[in-house]
Amino acid sequence: MDQGRARKVKVGVGLSALAALALAACATGGGGGGAGQAAGGHQVGAPAPAIHVESLSGKALGLDDYRGKVVLLDVWASWCGPCKQELPMLDDMAKRLRGDGIEILAVSVDQERANLVKFLRAKPRWSLTVAHDPKGEIADRLAPDKMPTSYVIDREGVIRYVNSGFVPSDAREIERRLVEVARR
């Protein structure tokens, strides 16, 4: 098998596995109980893996671009019910917390960009940064076990908190953790 085909198979398997896990998580209501646990083998206290995605405007983004800031990296999809609840809450956080050196990067794992764009049209303007990962790099690097999964990453690029899944009450804890890490 040539390298290009091998990569496509690997991405397909990663996205399929992520989709299956996400559907299971979404079907059971998503979050709750996942707060603070590491997902995909990436332990709290370990450096975040190198992630490179594309913003909706076409700009290449990497976690290293956010060095010196606290980042909430949120992995989500437009077809996930808990993700649809979470994203507007994260957008409100982004407005409030940007002045404190906190950035929110929401990376969609939707295979079709049109699905992501359609979801985003529900709101005229978003304050958080939205990126798209159709190649499955997030699935390959982080392997989140639920959808959505949020990673609080400190100014040096270390994962400090993971929230797997989402219920509305998680928003308060995610924001508290972001502010706590930013004050260090």
C-alpha atoms as a PDB file:
ATOM      1  CA  MET A   1       0.000   0.000   0.000  1.00  0.00           C
ATOM      2  CA  ASP A   2       1.437   3.443  -0.899  1.00  0.00           C
ATOM      3  CA  GLN A   3       1.916   6.124   1.779  1.00  0.00           C
ATOM      4  CA  GLY A   4      -0.970   8.304   0.559  1.00  0.00           C
ATOM      5  CA  ARG A   5      -3.423   5.422   0.680  1.00  0.00           C
ATOM      6  CA  ALA A   6      -2.057   4.284   4.075  1.00  0.00           C
ATOM      7  CA  ARG A   7      -2.625   7.803   5.468  1.00  0.00           C
ATOM      8  CA  LYS A   8      -6.192   7.829   4.126  1.00  0.00           C
ATOM      9  CA  VAL A   9      -6.885   4.465   5.737  1.00  0.00           C
ATOM     10  CA  LYS A  10      -5.399   5.650   9.041  1.00  0.00           C
ATOM     11  CA  VAL A  11      -7.436   8.870   8.980  1.00  0.00           C
ATOM     12  CA  GLY A  12     -10.576   6.941   8.032  1.00  0.00           C
ATOM     13  CA  VAL A  13     -10.077   4.507  10.902  1.00  0.00           C
ATOM     14  CA  GLY A  14      -9.352   7.368  13.337  1.00  0.00           C
ATOM     15  CA  LEU A  15     -12.408   9.322  12.253  1.00  0.00           C
ATOM     16  CA  SER A  16     -14.587   6.212  12.283  1.00  0.00           C
ATOM     17  CA  ALA A  17     -13.474   5.345  15.790  1.00  0.00           C
ATOM     18  CA  LEU A  18     -13.969   8.941  16.930  1.00  0.00           C
ATOM     19  CA  ALA A  19     -17.410   9.047  15.329  1.00  0.00           C
ATOM     20  CA  ALA A  20     -18.448   5.789  16.996  1.00  0.00           C
ATOM     21  CA  LEU A  21     -17.283   6.974  20.402  1.00  0.00           C
ATOM     22  CA  ALA A  22     -18.844  10.375  19.917  1.00  0.00           C
ATOM     23  CA  LEU A  23     -22.168   8.931  18.861  1.00  0.00           C
ATOM     24  CA  ALA A  24     -22.167   6.706  21.914  1.00  0.00           C
ATOM     25  CA  ALA A  25     -21.338   9.676  24.153  1.00  0.00           C
ATOM     26  CA  CYS A  26     -23.911  11.901  22.481  1.00  0.00           C
ATOM     27  CA  ALA A  27     -26.550   9.173  22.615  1.00  0.00           C
ATOM     28  CA  THR A  28     -26.126   8.924  26.376  1.00  0.00           C
ATOM     29  CA  GLY A  29     -26.358  12.647  26.950  1.00  0.00           C
ATOM     30  CA  GLY A  30     -22.688  13.434  26.544  1.00  0.00           C
ATOM     31  CA  GLY A  31     -20.966  14.743  29.591  1.00  0.00           C
ATOM     32  CA  GLY A  32     -21.142  14.549  33.274  1.00  0.00           C
ATOM     33  CA  GLY A  33     -18.603  12.723  35.345  1.00  0.00           C
ATOM     34  CA  GLY A  34     -15.788  13.347  32.884  1.00  0.00           C
ATOM     35  CA  ALA A  35     -14.486  16.496  34.469  1.00  0.00           C
ATOM     36  CA  GLY A  36     -10.793  16.471  35.205  1.00  0.00           C
ATOM     37  CA  GLN A  37     -10.052  13.097  33.663  1.00  0.00           C
ATOM     38  CA  ALA A  38      -7.452  12.671  30.969  1.00  0.00           C
ATOM     39  CA  ALA A  39      -8.719  11.552  27.591  1.00  0.00           C
ATOM     40  CA  GLY A  40      -6.992   9.596  24.889  1.00  0.00           C
ATOM     41  CA  GLY A  41      -3.985   8.815  27.081  1.00  0.00           C
ATOM     42  CA  HIS A  42      -2.906  12.459  27.333  1.00  0.00           C
ATOM     43  CA  GLN A  43      -2.427  12.974  31.026  1.00  0.00           C
ATOM     44  CA  VAL A  44      -3.036  16.119  32.946  1.00  0.00           C
ATOM     45  CA  GLY A  45       0.418  17.559  33.570  1.00  0.00           C
ATOM     46  CA  ALA A  46       1.830  16.349  30.236  1.00  0.00           C
ATOM     47  CA  PRO A  47       2.646  18.634  27.313  1.00  0.00           C
ATOM     48  CA  ALA A  48      -0.147  18.990  24.771  1.00  0.00           C
ATOM     49  CA  PRO A  49       0.743  17.304  21.485  1.00  0.00           C
ATOM     50  CA  ALA A  50       1.536  19.411  18.441  1.00  0.00           C
ATOM     51  CA  ILE A  51      -1.760  20.191  16.741  1.00  0.00           C
ATOM     52  CA  HIS A  52      -2.112  21.941  13.379  1.00  0.00           C
ATOM     53  CA  VAL A  53      -5.521  22.804  11.931  1.00  0.00           C
ATOM     54  CA  GLU A  54      -7.045  25.375   9.613  1.00  0.00           C
ATOM     55  CA  SER A  55      -9.265  28.248  10.721  1.00  0.00           C
ATOM     56  CA  LEU A  56     -12.453  28.764   8.770  1.00  0.00           C
ATOM     57  CA  SER A  57     -10.818  31.723   7.061  1.00  0.00           C
ATOM     58  CA  GLY A  58      -8.115  29.378   5.775  1.00  0.00           C
ATOM     59  CA  LYS A  59      -5.333  30.413   8.164  1.00  0.00           C
ATOM     60  CA  ALA A  60      -3.059  27.645   9.467  1.00  0.00           C
ATOM     61  CA  LEU A  61      -3.230  27.407  13.256  1.00  0.00           C
ATOM     62  CA  GLY A  62      -1.180  25.437  15.729  1.00  0.00           C
ATOM     63  CA  LEU A  63      -1.211  25.178  19.488  1.00  0.00           C
ATOM     64  CA  ASP A  64       2.296  26.644  19.432  1.00  0.00           C
ATOM     65  CA  ASP A  65       0.742  29.868  18.042  1.00  0.00           C
ATOM     66  CA  TYR A  66      -0.935  30.294  21.446  1.00  0.00           C
ATOM     67  CA  ARG A  67       2.220  29.933  23.540  1.00  0.00           C
ATOM     68  CA  GLY A  68       2.087  32.466  26.370  1.00  0.00           C
ATOM     69  CA  LYS A  69      -1.709  32.291  26.585  1.00  0.00           C
ATOM     70  CA  VAL A  70      -4.049  29.929  28.368  1.00  0.00           C
ATOM     71  CA  VAL A  71      -6.010  27.927  25.798  1.00  0.00           C
ATOM     72  CA  LEU A  72      -9.172  25.935  25.926  1.00  0.00           C
ATOM     73  CA  LEU A  73      -8.911  23.452  23.063  1.00  0.00           C
ATOM     74  CA  ASP A  74     -12.392  22.114  22.448  1.00  0.00           C
ATOM     75  CA  VAL A  75     -12.948  19.112  20.171  1.00  0.00           C
ATOM     76  CA  TRP A  76     -16.519  19.044  18.871  1.00  0.00           C
ATOM     77  CA  ALA A  77     -18.778  18.206  15.912  1.00  0.00           C
ATOM     78  CA  SER A  78     -21.953  19.751  14.519  1.00  0.00           C
ATOM     79  CA  TRP A  79     -23.845  16.440  14.762  1.00  0.00           C
ATOM     80  CA  CYS A  80     -23.228  16.031  18.503  1.00  0.00           C
ATOM     81  CA  GLY A  81     -26.093  17.207  20.744  1.00  0.00           C
ATOM     82  CA  PRO A  82     -23.951  18.124  23.791  1.00  0.00           C
ATOM     83  CA  CYS A  83     -21.555  19.984  21.461  1.00  0.00           C
ATOM     84  CA  LYS A  84     -24.447  22.120  20.219  1.00  0.00           C
ATOM     85  CA  GLN A  85     -25.183  23.096  23.834  1.00  0.00           C
ATOM     86  CA  GLU A  86     -21.565  23.701  24.724  1.00  0.00           C
ATOM     87  CA  LEU A  87     -20.332  25.860  21.850  1.00  0.00           C
ATOM     88  CA  PRO A  88     -22.536  28.929  22.558  1.00  0.00           C
ATOM     89  CA  MET A  89     -21.494  28.748  26.238  1.00  0.00           C
ATOM     90  CA  LEU A  90     -17.831  28.621  25.240  1.00  0.00           C
ATOM     91  CA  ASP A  91     -18.402  31.565  22.920  1.00  0.00           C
ATOM     92  CA  ASP A  92     -19.759  33.601  25.844  1.00  0.00           C
ATOM     93  CA  MET A  93     -16.654  32.612  27.838  1.00  0.00           C
ATOM     94  CA  ALA A  94     -14.397  33.703  24.985  1.00  0.00           C
ATOM     95  CA  LYS A  95     -15.916  37.202  25.097  1.00  0.00           C
ATOM     96  CA  ARG A  96     -15.466  37.502  28.848  1.00  0.00           C
ATOM     97  CA  LEU A  97     -12.024  35.920  29.200  1.00  0.00           C
ATOM     98  CA  ARG A  98     -10.015  37.108  26.181  1.00  0.00           C
ATOM     99  CA  GLY A  99      -8.819  40.168  28.134  1.00  0.00           C
ATOM    100  CA  ASP A 100      -7.339  37.801  30.742  1.00  0.00           C
ATOM    101  CA  GLY A 101      -5.033  36.138  28.207  1.00  0.00           C
ATOM    102  CA  ILE A 102      -7.394  33.192  27.630  1.00  0.00           C
ATOM    103  CA  GLU A 103      -8.197  31.949  24.126  1.00  0.00           C
ATOM    104  CA  ILE A 104     -10.771  29.372  23.108  1.00  0.00           C
ATOM    105  CA  LEU A 105     -10.037  27.266  20.046  1.00  0.00           C
ATOM    106  CA  ALA A 106     -12.988  25.086  19.007  1.00  0.00           C
ATOM    107  CA  VAL A 107     -11.909  22.443  16.498  1.00  0.00           C
ATOM    108  CA  SER A 108     -14.630  20.677  14.566  1.00  0.00           C
ATOM    109  CA  VAL A 109     -13.998  17.103  13.507  1.00  0.00           C
ATOM    110  CA  ASP A 110     -16.852  17.181  10.986  1.00  0.00           C
ATOM    111  CA  GLN A 111     -15.771  15.457   7.798  1.00  0.00           C
ATOM    112  CA  GLU A 112     -17.873  17.825   5.688  1.00  0.00           C
ATOM    113  CA  ARG A 113     -17.084  21.525   6.083  1.00  0.00           C
ATOM    114  CA  ALA A 114     -20.632  22.391   4.923  1.00  0.00           C
ATOM    115  CA  ASN A 115     -22.090  20.805   8.090  1.00  0.00           C
ATOM    116  CA  LEU A 116     -19.851  22.943  10.280  1.00  0.00           C
ATOM    117  CA  VAL A 117     -20.680  26.122   8.363  1.00  0.00           C
ATOM    118  CA  LYS A 118     -24.408  25.382   8.529  1.00  0.00           C
ATOM    119  CA  PHE A 119     -24.235  24.978  12.320  1.00  0.00           C
ATOM    120  CA  LEU A 120     -22.266  28.210  12.762  1.00  0.00           C
ATOM    121  CA  ARG A 121     -24.883  30.211  10.830  1.00  0.00           C
ATOM    122  CA  ALA A 122     -27.185  29.869  13.859  1.00  0.00           C
ATOM    123  CA  LYS A 123     -25.295  32.809  15.359  1.00  0.00           C
ATOM    124  CA  PRO A 124     -24.260  35.914  13.383  1.00  0.00           C
ATOM    125  CA  ARG A 125     -20.866  36.340  15.080  1.00  0.00           C
ATOM    126  CA  TRP A 126     -18.621  34.062  17.098  1.00  0.00           C
ATOM    127  CA  SER A 127     -15.965  35.311  19.540  1.00  0.00           C
ATOM    128  CA  LEU A 128     -14.086  32.050  19.868  1.00  0.00           C
ATOM    129  CA  THR A 129     -11.792  30.781  17.134  1.00  0.00           C
ATOM    130  CA  VAL A 130     -13.321  27.968  15.097  1.00  0.00           C
ATOM    131  CA  ALA A 131     -11.131  25.581  13.146  1.00  0.00           C
ATOM    132  CA  HIS A 132     -11.802  22.522  11.040  1.00  0.00           C
ATOM    133  CA  ASP A 133      -9.985  19.199  11.203  1.00  0.00           C
ATOM    134  CA  PRO A 134     -11.294  17.096   8.292  1.00  0.00           C
ATOM    135  CA  LYS A 135      -8.054  15.070   8.149  1.00  0.00           C
ATOM    136  CA  GLY A 136      -8.518  13.701  11.659  1.00  0.00           C
ATOM    137  CA  GLU A 137      -5.357  15.081  13.253  1.00  0.00           C
ATOM    138  CA  ILE A 138      -7.201  15.709  16.520  1.00  0.00           C
ATOM    139  CA  ALA A 139      -8.477  12.129  16.524  1.00  0.00           C
ATOM    140  CA  ASP A 140      -4.955  10.874  15.838  1.00  0.00           C
ATOM    141  CA  ARG A 141      -3.232  13.040  18.446  1.00  0.00           C
ATOM    142  CA  LEU A 142      -5.695  13.333  21.333  1.00  0.00           C
ATOM    143  CA  ALA A 143      -8.140  10.451  20.802  1.00  0.00           C
ATOM    144  CA  PRO A 144     -10.914  12.038  22.882  1.00  0.00           C
ATOM    145  CA  ASP A 145     -13.162   9.394  24.394  1.00  0.00           C
ATOM    146  CA  LYS A 146     -16.312  11.541  24.396  1.00  0.00           C
ATOM    147  CA  MET A 147     -17.696  14.413  22.401  1.00  0.00           C
ATOM    148  CA  PRO A 148     -17.105  17.172  23.119  1.00  0.00           C
ATOM    149  CA  THR A 149     -13.837  17.080  25.024  1.00  0.00           C
ATOM    150  CA  SER A 150     -12.150  20.250  26.277  1.00  0.00           C
ATOM    151  CA  TYR A 151      -8.493  20.610  27.248  1.00  0.00           C
ATOM    152  CA  VAL A 152      -7.270  23.504  29.408  1.00  0.00           C
ATOM    153  CA  ILE A 153      -3.678  24.166  28.344  1.00  0.00           C
ATOM    154  CA  ASP A 154      -1.411  26.513  30.302  1.00  0.00           C
ATOM    155  CA  ARG A 155       0.899  29.226  28.948  1.00  0.00           C
ATOM    156  CA  GLU A 156       3.743  26.723  28.530  1.00  0.00           C
ATOM    157  CA  GLY A 157       1.635  24.218  26.570  1.00  0.00           C
ATOM    158  CA  VAL A 158       0.907  21.763  29.388  1.00  0.00           C
ATOM    159  CA  ILE A 159      -2.528  20.138  29.771  1.00  0.00           C
ATOM    160  CA  ARG A 160      -3.897  21.186  33.164  1.00  0.00           C
ATOM    161  CA  TYR A 161      -7.501  19.961  33.002  1.00  0.00           C
ATOM    162  CA  VAL A 162      -9.673  17.794  30.736  1.00  0.00           C
ATOM    163  CA  ASN A 163     -13.460  17.792  30.552  1.00  0.00           C
ATOM    164  CA  SER A 164     -14.803  14.762  28.663  1.00  0.00           C
ATOM    165  CA  GLY A 165     -18.389  15.098  27.485  1.00  0.00           C
ATOM    166  CA  PHE A 166     -20.578  18.030  28.413  1.00  0.00           C
ATOM    167  CA  VAL A 167     -23.623  18.907  30.444  1.00  0.00           C
ATOM    168  CA  PRO A 168     -24.519  22.585  31.011  1.00  0.00           C
ATOM    169  CA  SER A 169     -23.263  22.528  34.613  1.00  0.00           C
ATOM    170  CA  ASP A 170     -19.748  21.746  33.278  1.00  0.00           C
ATOM    171  CA  ALA A 171     -19.458  25.294  31.879  1.00  0.00           C
ATOM    172  CA  ARG A 172     -18.960  26.831  35.324  1.00  0.00           C
ATOM    173  CA  GLU A 173     -16.155  24.370  36.182  1.00  0.00           C
ATOM    174  CA  ILE A 174     -14.421  24.822  32.817  1.00  0.00           C
ATOM    175  CA  GLU A 175     -14.432  28.603  33.256  1.00  0.00           C
ATOM    176  CA  ARG A 176     -13.202  28.312  36.850  1.00  0.00           C
ATOM    177  CA  ARG A 177     -10.295  26.136  35.700  1.00  0.00           C
ATOM    178  CA  LEU A 178      -9.377  28.525  32.866  1.00  0.00           C
ATOM    179  CA  VAL A 179      -9.283  31.492  35.246  1.00  0.00           C
ATOM    180  CA  GLU A 180      -7.329  29.502  37.839  1.00  0.00           C
ATOM    181  CA  VAL A 181      -4.673  28.516  35.297  1.00  0.00           C
ATOM    182  CA  ALA A 182      -4.490  32.093  33.939  1.00  0.00           C
ATOM    183  CA  ARG A 183      -3.789  33.480  37.422  1.00  0.00           C
ATOM    184  CA  ARG A 184      -0.744  31.246  37.968  1.00  0.00           C
END
